[in-house]
Amino acid sequence: MKRTIQTAIVAFFVVMITAGFAFAADATAGAGNFPYFHLGCLIMGGLTITSLKYRFQGIYLSEAVGSFALYAVFVALFTAPVIEAVKGLVS
């Protein structure tokens, strides 16, 4: 029962972080430039981490949520608005 509850918590955080990314990408990228590939990568990564959390009991809840949060940050770094902001800072 504990394993199922922890997996549900991880799945909840995956959905919330992915929804936050989608909202932020929609607000910054505009209508025609939504990063569907990045959203797909987040969904697949979230499914993978949730599956690993369910399969292996040795993974702590905080490790699973933290690793997905870091993965979401790394995926967000490669979206067009962030790349444009970095270009503006460098030049």
PDB file of N, CA and C in Angstrom:
ATOM      1  N   MET A   1       0.817  -1.194   0.000  1.00  0.00           N
ATOM      2  CA  MET A   1       0.000   0.000   0.000  1.00  0.00           C
ATOM      3  C   MET A   1       0.861   1.259   0.000  1.00  0.00           C
ATOM      4  N   LYS A   2       1.957   1.197   0.751  1.00  0.00           N
ATOM      5  CA  LYS A   2       2.842   2.356   0.813  1.00  0.00           C
ATOM      6  C   LYS A   2       3.446   2.657  -0.557  1.00  0.00           C
ATOM      7  N   ARG A   3       3.800   1.602  -1.282  1.00  0.00           N
ATOM      8  CA  ARG A   3       4.398   1.768  -2.601  1.00  0.00           C
ATOM      9  C   ARG A   3       3.421   2.427  -3.564  1.00  0.00           C
ATOM     10  N   THR A   4       2.168   2.050  -3.501  1.00  0.00           N
ATOM     11  CA  THR A   4       1.149   2.619  -4.382  1.00  0.00           C
ATOM     12  C   THR A   4       0.894   4.087  -4.060  1.00  0.00           C
ATOM     13  N   ILE A   5       0.858   4.419  -2.786  1.00  0.00           N
ATOM     14  CA  ILE A   5       0.633   5.809  -2.390  1.00  0.00           C
ATOM     15  C   ILE A   5       1.801   6.685  -2.823  1.00  0.00           C
ATOM     16  N   GLN A   6       3.020   6.206  -2.621  1.00  0.00           N
ATOM     17  CA  GLN A   6       4.186   6.992  -3.027  1.00  0.00           C
ATOM     18  C   GLN A   6       4.248   7.145  -4.540  1.00  0.00           C
ATOM     19  N   THR A   7       3.874   6.123  -5.272  1.00  0.00           N
ATOM     20  CA  THR A   7       3.839   6.232  -6.728  1.00  0.00           C
ATOM     21  C   THR A   7       2.787   7.236  -7.169  1.00  0.00           C
ATOM     22  N   ALA A   8       1.657   7.259  -6.499  1.00  0.00           N
ATOM     23  CA  ALA A   8       0.621   8.241  -6.820  1.00  0.00           C
ATOM     24  C   ALA A   8       1.092   9.656  -6.532  1.00  0.00           C
ATOM     25  N   ILE A   9       1.853   9.843  -5.466  1.00  0.00           N
ATOM     26  CA  ILE A   9       2.398  11.168  -5.147  1.00  0.00           C
ATOM     27  C   ILE A   9       3.390  11.603  -6.219  1.00  0.00           C
ATOM     28  N   VAL A  10       4.254  10.693  -6.645  1.00  0.00           N
ATOM     29  CA  VAL A  10       5.207  11.014  -7.712  1.00  0.00           C
ATOM     30  C   VAL A  10       4.460  11.364  -8.990  1.00  0.00           C
ATOM     31  N   ALA A  11       3.439  10.594  -9.320  1.00  0.00           N
ATOM     32  CA  ALA A  11       2.652  10.874 -10.524  1.00  0.00           C
ATOM     33  C   ALA A  11       1.975  12.235 -10.427  1.00  0.00           C
ATOM     34  N   PHE A  12       1.489  12.605  -9.244  1.00  0.00           N
ATOM     35  CA  PHE A  12       0.876  13.914  -9.050  1.00  0.00           C
ATOM     36  C   PHE A  12       1.886  15.028  -9.311  1.00  0.00           C
ATOM     37  N   PHE A  13       3.085  14.901  -8.749  1.00  0.00           N
ATOM     38  CA  PHE A  13       4.101  15.925  -8.971  1.00  0.00           C
ATOM     39  C   PHE A  13       4.537  15.977 -10.433  1.00  0.00           C
ATOM     40  N   VAL A  14       4.606  14.843 -11.098  1.00  0.00           N
ATOM     41  CA  VAL A  14       4.960  14.820 -12.519  1.00  0.00           C
ATOM     42  C   VAL A  14       3.917  15.578 -13.327  1.00  0.00           C
ATOM     43  N   VAL A  15       2.654  15.334 -13.040  1.00  0.00           N
ATOM     44  CA  VAL A  15       1.589  16.020 -13.767  1.00  0.00           C
ATOM     45  C   VAL A  15       1.617  17.519 -13.487  1.00  0.00           C
ATOM     46  N   MET A  16       1.832  17.903 -12.244  1.00  0.00           N
ATOM     47  CA  MET A  16       1.832  19.326 -11.894  1.00  0.00           C
ATOM     48  C   MET A  16       3.031  20.065 -12.511  1.00  0.00           C
ATOM     49  N   ILE A  17       4.194  19.467 -12.481  1.00  0.00           N
ATOM     50  CA  ILE A  17       5.377  20.099 -13.067  1.00  0.00           C
ATOM     51  C   ILE A  17       5.228  20.197 -14.583  1.00  0.00           C
ATOM     52  N   THR A  18       4.689  19.151 -15.209  1.00  0.00           N
ATOM     53  CA  THR A  18       4.477  19.179 -16.652  1.00  0.00           C
ATOM     54  C   THR A  18       3.432  20.220 -17.027  1.00  0.00           C
ATOM     55  N   ALA A  19       2.379  20.330 -16.238  1.00  0.00           N
ATOM     56  CA  ALA A  19       1.361  21.351 -16.497  1.00  0.00           C
ATOM     57  C   ALA A  19       1.932  22.752 -16.314  1.00  0.00           C
ATOM     58  N   GLY A  20       2.773  22.931 -15.326  1.00  0.00           N
ATOM     59  CA  GLY A  20       3.426  24.226 -15.141  1.00  0.00           C
ATOM     60  C   GLY A  20       4.328  24.586 -16.307  1.00  0.00           C
ATOM     61  N   PHE A  21       5.061  23.590 -16.811  1.00  0.00           N
ATOM     62  CA  PHE A  21       5.895  23.820 -17.983  1.00  0.00           C
ATOM     63  C   PHE A  21       5.048  24.198 -19.188  1.00  0.00           C
ATOM     64  N   ALA A  22       3.944  23.474 -19.390  1.00  0.00           N
ATOM     65  CA  ALA A  22       3.079  23.754 -20.537  1.00  0.00           C
ATOM     66  C   ALA A  22       2.467  25.144 -20.446  1.00  0.00           C
ATOM     67  N   PHE A  23       2.055  25.541 -19.250  1.00  0.00           N
ATOM     68  CA  PHE A  23       1.494  26.882 -19.067  1.00  0.00           C
ATOM     69  C   PHE A  23       2.545  27.954 -19.336  1.00  0.00           C
ATOM     70  N   ALA A  24       3.746  27.778 -18.799  1.00  0.00           N
ATOM     71  CA  ALA A  24       4.804  28.759 -19.008  1.00  0.00           C
ATOM     72  C   ALA A  24       5.232  28.818 -20.471  1.00  0.00           C
ATOM     73  N   ALA A  25       5.310  27.682 -21.121  1.00  0.00           N
ATOM     74  CA  ALA A  25       5.690  27.661 -22.535  1.00  0.00           C
ATOM     75  C   ALA A  25       4.624  28.319 -23.392  1.00  0.00           C
ATOM     76  N   ASP A  26       3.366  28.106 -23.066  1.00  0.00           N
ATOM     77  CA  ASP A  26       2.287  28.732 -23.822  1.00  0.00           C
ATOM     78  C   ASP A  26       2.278  30.240 -23.609  1.00  0.00           C
ATOM     79  N   ALA A  27       2.584  30.682 -22.405  1.00  0.00           N
ATOM     80  CA  ALA A  27       2.580  32.116 -22.108  1.00  0.00           C
ATOM     81  C   ALA A  27       3.756  32.839 -22.766  1.00  0.00           C
ATOM     82  N   THR A  28       4.885  32.177 -22.911  1.00  0.00           N
ATOM     83  CA  THR A  28       6.068  32.851 -23.445  1.00  0.00           C
ATOM     84  C   THR A  28       6.304  32.609 -24.925  1.00  0.00           C
ATOM     85  N   ALA A  29       5.949  31.435 -25.431  1.00  0.00           N
ATOM     86  CA  ALA A  29       6.292  31.093 -26.809  1.00  0.00           C
ATOM     87  C   ALA A  29       5.291  31.634 -27.818  1.00  0.00           C
ATOM     88  N   GLY A  30       4.072  31.825 -27.436  1.00  0.00           N
ATOM     89  CA  GLY A  30       3.077  32.286 -28.384  1.00  0.00           C
ATOM     90  C   GLY A  30       2.303  31.120 -28.977  1.00  0.00           C
ATOM     91  N   ALA A  31       1.370  31.440 -29.848  1.00  0.00           N
ATOM     92  CA  ALA A  31       0.443  30.427 -30.359  1.00  0.00           C
ATOM     93  C   ALA A  31       1.117  29.452 -31.327  1.00  0.00           C
ATOM     94  N   GLY A  32       1.961  29.942 -32.216  1.00  0.00           N
ATOM     95  CA  GLY A  32       2.525  29.071 -33.246  1.00  0.00           C
ATOM     96  C   GLY A  32       3.834  28.418 -32.882  1.00  0.00           C
ATOM     97  N   ASN A  33       4.394  28.726 -31.732  1.00  0.00           N
ATOM     98  CA  ASN A  33       5.728  28.237 -31.382  1.00  0.00           C
ATOM     99  C   ASN A  33       5.740  27.353 -30.139  1.00  0.00           C
ATOM    100  N   PHE A  34       4.659  26.641 -29.888  1.00  0.00           N
ATOM    101  CA  PHE A  34       4.613  25.805 -28.690  1.00  0.00           C
ATOM    102  C   PHE A  34       5.576  24.631 -28.841  1.00  0.00           C
ATOM    103  N   PRO A  35       6.405  24.360 -27.831  1.00  0.00           N
ATOM    104  CA  PRO A  35       7.403  23.279 -27.930  1.00  0.00           C
ATOM    105  C   PRO A  35       6.801  21.903 -27.641  1.00  0.00           C
ATOM    106  N   TYR A  36       6.137  21.331 -28.627  1.00  0.00           N
ATOM    107  CA  TYR A  36       5.501  20.027 -28.447  1.00  0.00           C
ATOM    108  C   TYR A  36       6.519  18.924 -28.201  1.00  0.00           C
ATOM    109  N   PHE A  37       7.665  19.023 -28.843  1.00  0.00           N
ATOM    110  CA  PHE A  37       8.696  18.002 -28.640  1.00  0.00           C
ATOM    111  C   PHE A  37       9.171  18.010 -27.188  1.00  0.00           C
ATOM    112  N   HIS A  38       9.394  19.190 -26.626  1.00  0.00           N
ATOM    113  CA  HIS A  38       9.833  19.296 -25.243  1.00  0.00           C
ATOM    114  C   HIS A  38       8.765  18.769 -24.281  1.00  0.00           C
ATOM    115  N   LEU A  39       7.506  19.058 -24.588  1.00  0.00           N
ATOM    116  CA  LEU A  39       6.418  18.542 -23.765  1.00  0.00           C
ATOM    117  C   LEU A  39       6.363  17.022 -23.837  1.00  0.00           C
ATOM    118  N   GLY A  40       6.566  16.471 -25.019  1.00  0.00           N
ATOM    119  CA  GLY A  40       6.613  15.019 -25.159  1.00  0.00           C
ATOM    120  C   GLY A  40       7.763  14.402 -24.392  1.00  0.00           C
ATOM    121  N   CYS A  41       8.904  15.070 -24.410  1.00  0.00           N
ATOM    122  CA  CYS A  41      10.053  14.584 -23.633  1.00  0.00           C
ATOM    123  C   CYS A  41       9.750  14.596 -22.142  1.00  0.00           C
ATOM    124  N   LEU A  42       9.074  15.629 -21.665  1.00  0.00           N
ATOM    125  CA  LEU A  42       8.700  15.676 -20.256  1.00  0.00           C
ATOM    126  C   LEU A  42       7.720  14.565 -19.900  1.00  0.00           C
ATOM    127  N   ILE A  43       6.764  14.317 -20.764  1.00  0.00           N
ATOM    128  CA  ILE A  43       5.782  13.263 -20.494  1.00  0.00           C
ATOM    129  C   ILE A  43       6.462  11.897 -20.446  1.00  0.00           C
ATOM    130  N   MET A  44       7.338  11.629 -21.418  1.00  0.00           N
ATOM    131  CA  MET A  44       8.030  10.340 -21.432  1.00  0.00           C
ATOM    132  C   MET A  44       8.967  10.193 -20.225  1.00  0.00           C
ATOM    133  N   GLY A  45       9.660  11.263 -19.863  1.00  0.00           N
ATOM    134  CA  GLY A  45      10.522  11.218 -18.679  1.00  0.00           C
ATOM    135  C   GLY A  45       9.728  11.007 -17.408  1.00  0.00           C
ATOM    136  N   GLY A  46       8.564  11.648 -17.320  1.00  0.00           N
ATOM    137  CA  GLY A  46       7.716  11.462 -16.149  1.00  0.00           C
ATOM    138  C   GLY A  46       7.182  10.052 -16.035  1.00  0.00           C
ATOM    139  N   LEU A  47       6.797   9.475 -17.170  1.00  0.00           N
ATOM    140  CA  LEU A  47       6.344   8.083 -17.150  1.00  0.00           C
ATOM    141  C   LEU A  47       7.470   7.139 -16.739  1.00  0.00           C
ATOM    142  N   THR A  48       8.671   7.423 -17.204  1.00  0.00           N
ATOM    143  CA  THR A  48       9.814   6.577 -16.859  1.00  0.00           C
ATOM    144  C   THR A  48      10.131   6.644 -15.372  1.00  0.00           C
ATOM    145  N   ILE A  49      10.178   7.850 -14.821  1.00  0.00           N
ATOM    146  CA  ILE A  49      10.508   7.996 -13.401  1.00  0.00           C
ATOM    147  C   ILE A  49       9.407   7.408 -12.522  1.00  0.00           C
ATOM    148  N   THR A  50       8.156   7.602 -12.918  1.00  0.00           N
ATOM    149  CA  THR A  50       7.055   7.022 -12.154  1.00  0.00           C
ATOM    150  C   THR A  50       7.114   5.495 -12.201  1.00  0.00           C
ATOM    151  N   SER A  51       7.427   4.940 -13.364  1.00  0.00           N
ATOM    152  CA  SER A  51       7.542   3.493 -13.493  1.00  0.00           C
ATOM    153  C   SER A  51       8.697   2.948 -12.654  1.00  0.00           C
ATOM    154  N   LEU A  52       9.817   3.657 -12.662  1.00  0.00           N
ATOM    155  CA  LEU A  52      10.957   3.216 -11.849  1.00  0.00           C
ATOM    156  C   LEU A  52      10.640   3.284 -10.363  1.00  0.00           C
ATOM    157  N   LYS A  53       9.908   4.315  -9.963  1.00  0.00           N
ATOM    158  CA  LYS A  53       9.532   4.442  -8.551  1.00  0.00           C
ATOM    159  C   LYS A  53       8.620   3.291  -8.144  1.00  0.00           C
ATOM    160  N   TYR A  54       7.720   2.882  -9.014  1.00  0.00           N
ATOM    161  CA  TYR A  54       6.825   1.777  -8.687  1.00  0.00           C
ATOM    162  C   TYR A  54       7.568   0.440  -8.656  1.00  0.00           C
ATOM    163  N   ARG A  55       8.498   0.264  -9.568  1.00  0.00           N
ATOM    164  CA  ARG A  55       9.174  -1.026  -9.690  1.00  0.00           C
ATOM    165  C   ARG A  55      10.222  -1.238  -8.596  1.00  0.00           C
ATOM    166  N   PHE A  56      10.992  -0.207  -8.266  1.00  0.00           N
ATOM    167  CA  PHE A  56      12.081  -0.346  -7.302  1.00  0.00           C
ATOM    168  C   PHE A  56      11.723   0.384  -6.015  1.00  0.00           C
ATOM    169  N   GLN A  57      11.635  -0.353  -4.921  1.00  0.00           N
ATOM    170  CA  GLN A  57      11.235   0.235  -3.653  1.00  0.00           C
ATOM    171  C   GLN A  57      12.359   1.025  -2.996  1.00  0.00           C
ATOM    172  N   GLY A  58      13.584   0.856  -3.466  1.00  0.00           N
ATOM    173  CA  GLY A  58      14.715   1.551  -2.866  1.00  0.00           C
ATOM    174  C   GLY A  58      14.817   3.014  -3.240  1.00  0.00           C
ATOM    175  N   ILE A  59      14.055   3.445  -4.222  1.00  0.00           N
ATOM    176  CA  ILE A  59      14.081   4.851  -4.622  1.00  0.00           C
ATOM    177  C   ILE A  59      13.193   5.633  -3.669  1.00  0.00           C
ATOM    178  N   TYR A  60      13.763   6.651  -3.041  1.00  0.00           N
ATOM    179  CA  TYR A  60      12.994   7.476  -2.114  1.00  0.00           C
ATOM    180  C   TYR A  60      12.058   8.402  -2.886  1.00  0.00           C
ATOM    181  N   LEU A  61      11.006   8.829  -2.216  1.00  0.00           N
ATOM    182  CA  LEU A  61      10.031   9.729  -2.818  1.00  0.00           C
ATOM    183  C   LEU A  61      10.685  11.046  -3.220  1.00  0.00           C
ATOM    184  N   SER A  62      11.500  11.598  -2.341  1.00  0.00           N
ATOM    185  CA  SER A  62      12.154  12.881  -2.636  1.00  0.00           C
ATOM    186  C   SER A  62      13.134  12.759  -3.796  1.00  0.00           C
ATOM    187  N   GLU A  63      13.776  11.615  -3.941  1.00  0.00           N
ATOM    188  CA  GLU A  63      14.693  11.412  -5.064  1.00  0.00           C
ATOM    189  C   GLU A  63      13.942  11.409  -6.386  1.00  0.00           C
ATOM    190  N   ALA A  64      12.806  10.727  -6.426  1.00  0.00           N
ATOM    191  CA  ALA A  64      12.032  10.648  -7.668  1.00  0.00           C
ATOM    192  C   ALA A  64      11.477  12.013  -8.058  1.00  0.00           C
ATOM    193  N   VAL A  65      10.907  12.726  -7.095  1.00  0.00           N
ATOM    194  CA  VAL A  65      10.352  14.053  -7.385  1.00  0.00           C
ATOM    195  C   VAL A  65      11.462  15.032  -7.737  1.00  0.00           C
ATOM    196  N   GLY A  66      12.556  14.996  -7.011  1.00  0.00           N
ATOM    197  CA  GLY A  66      13.674  15.901  -7.284  1.00  0.00           C
ATOM    198  C   GLY A  66      14.329  15.638  -8.621  1.00  0.00           C
ATOM    199  N   SER A  67      14.461  14.373  -8.979  1.00  0.00           N
ATOM    200  CA  SER A  67      15.086  14.077 -10.272  1.00  0.00           C
ATOM    201  C   SER A  67      14.195  14.529 -11.418  1.00  0.00           C
ATOM    202  N   PHE A  68      12.878  14.403 -11.278  1.00  0.00           N
ATOM    203  CA  PHE A  68      12.010  14.885 -12.342  1.00  0.00           C
ATOM    204  C   PHE A  68      12.009  16.409 -12.402  1.00  0.00           C
ATOM    205  N   ALA A  69      12.076  17.064 -11.255  1.00  0.00           N
ATOM    206  CA  ALA A  69      12.132  18.527 -11.258  1.00  0.00           C
ATOM    207  C   ALA A  69      13.399  19.024 -11.961  1.00  0.00           C
ATOM    208  N   LEU A  70      14.520  18.383 -11.688  1.00  0.00           N
ATOM    209  CA  LEU A  70      15.759  18.763 -12.378  1.00  0.00           C
ATOM    210  C   LEU A  70      15.680  18.460 -13.869  1.00  0.00           C
ATOM    211  N   TYR A  71      15.067  17.344 -14.220  1.00  0.00           N
ATOM    212  CA  TYR A  71      14.883  17.001 -15.628  1.00  0.00           C
ATOM    213  C   TYR A  71      14.024  18.054 -16.328  1.00  0.00           C
ATOM    214  N   ALA A  72      12.977  18.518 -15.651  1.00  0.00           N
ATOM    215  CA  ALA A  72      12.122  19.554 -16.233  1.00  0.00           C
ATOM    216  C   ALA A  72      12.889  20.856 -16.433  1.00  0.00           C
ATOM    217  N   VAL A  73      13.763  21.198 -15.507  1.00  0.00           N
ATOM    218  CA  VAL A  73      14.582  22.409 -15.663  1.00  0.00           C
ATOM    219  C   VAL A  73      15.511  22.257 -16.858  1.00  0.00           C
ATOM    220  N   PHE A  74      16.131  21.099 -17.004  1.00  0.00           N
ATOM    221  CA  PHE A  74      17.042  20.888 -18.126  1.00  0.00           C
ATOM    222  C   PHE A  74      16.309  20.914 -19.462  1.00  0.00           C
ATOM    223  N   VAL A  75      15.116  20.366 -19.517  1.00  0.00           N
ATOM    224  CA  VAL A  75      14.331  20.418 -20.751  1.00  0.00           C
ATOM    225  C   VAL A  75      13.930  21.859 -21.044  1.00  0.00           C
ATOM    226  N   ALA A  76      13.552  22.597 -20.023  1.00  0.00           N
ATOM    227  CA  ALA A  76      13.136  23.992 -20.217  1.00  0.00           C
ATOM    228  C   ALA A  76      14.290  24.871 -20.682  1.00  0.00           C
ATOM    229  N   LEU A  77      15.515  24.512 -20.332  1.00  0.00           N
ATOM    230  CA  LEU A  77      16.663  25.304 -20.769  1.00  0.00           C
ATOM    231  C   LEU A  77      16.834  25.307 -22.281  1.00  0.00           C
ATOM    232  N   PHE A  78      16.297  24.300 -22.954  1.00  0.00           N
ATOM    233  CA  PHE A  78      16.478  24.193 -24.393  1.00  0.00           C
ATOM    234  C   PHE A  78      15.260  24.629 -25.189  1.00  0.00           C
ATOM    235  N   THR A  79      14.355  25.363 -24.579  1.00  0.00           N
ATOM    236  CA  THR A  79      13.230  25.932 -25.326  1.00  0.00           C
ATOM    237  C   THR A  79      13.653  27.259 -25.923  1.00  0.00           C
ATOM    238  N   ALA A  80      12.918  27.710 -26.931  1.00  0.00           N
ATOM    239  CA  ALA A  80      13.288  28.917 -27.678  1.00  0.00           C
ATOM    240  C   ALA A  80      13.347  30.183 -26.813  1.00  0.00           C
ATOM    241  N   PRO A  81      12.396  30.453 -25.921  1.00  0.00           N
ATOM    242  CA  PRO A  81      12.492  31.689 -25.129  1.00  0.00           C
ATOM    243  C   PRO A  81      13.731  31.741 -24.231  1.00  0.00           C
ATOM    244  N   VAL A  82      14.100  30.608 -23.663  1.00  0.00           N
ATOM    245  CA  VAL A  82      15.293  30.594 -22.811  1.00  0.00           C
ATOM    246  C   VAL A  82      16.548  30.776 -23.645  1.00  0.00           C
ATOM    247  N   ILE A  83      16.607  30.143 -24.792  1.00  0.00           N
ATOM    248  CA  ILE A  83      17.771  30.305 -25.670  1.00  0.00           C
ATOM    249  C   ILE A  83      17.903  31.768 -26.123  1.00  0.00           C
ATOM    250  N   GLU A  84      16.786  32.392 -26.448  1.00  0.00           N
ATOM    251  CA  GLU A  84      16.824  33.813 -26.835  1.00  0.00           C
ATOM    252  C   GLU A  84      17.279  34.698 -25.687  1.00  0.00           C
ATOM    253  N   ALA A  85      16.852  34.388 -24.475  1.00  0.00           N
ATOM    254  CA  ALA A  85      17.292  35.166 -23.308  1.00  0.00           C
ATOM    255  C   ALA A  85      18.784  35.000 -23.070  1.00  0.00           C
ATOM    256  N   VAL A  86      19.298  33.786 -23.233  1.00  0.00           N
ATOM    257  CA  VAL A  86      20.737  33.564 -23.079  1.00  0.00           C
ATOM    258  C   VAL A  86      21.515  34.280 -24.159  1.00  0.00           C
ATOM    259  N   LYS A  87      21.003  34.265 -25.387  1.00  0.00           N
ATOM    260  CA  LYS A  87      21.666  35.010 -26.470  1.00  0.00           C
ATOM    261  C   LYS A  87      21.708  36.501 -26.164  1.00  0.00           C
ATOM    262  N   GLY A  88      20.633  37.012 -25.588  1.00  0.00           N
ATOM    263  CA  GLY A  88      20.592  38.430 -25.222  1.00  0.00           C
ATOM    264  C   GLY A  88      21.562  38.771 -24.106  1.00  0.00           C
ATOM    265  N   LEU A  89      21.749  37.856 -23.171  1.00  0.00           N
ATOM    266  CA  LEU A  89      22.690  38.089 -22.083  1.00  0.00           C
ATOM    267  C   LEU A  89      24.132  38.022 -22.556  1.00  0.00           C
ATOM    268  N   VAL A  90      24.405  37.121 -23.484  1.00  0.00           N
ATOM    269  CA  VAL A  90      25.770  36.944 -23.964  1.00  0.00           C
ATOM    270  C   VAL A  90      26.209  38.096 -24.873  1.00  0.00           C
ATOM    271  N   SER A  91      25.314  38.532 -25.725  1.00  0.00           N
ATOM    272  CA  SER A  91      25.716  39.579 -26.669  1.00  0.00           C
ATOM    273  C   SER A  91      25.469  40.967 -26.162  1.00  0.00           C
TER     274      SER A  91
END
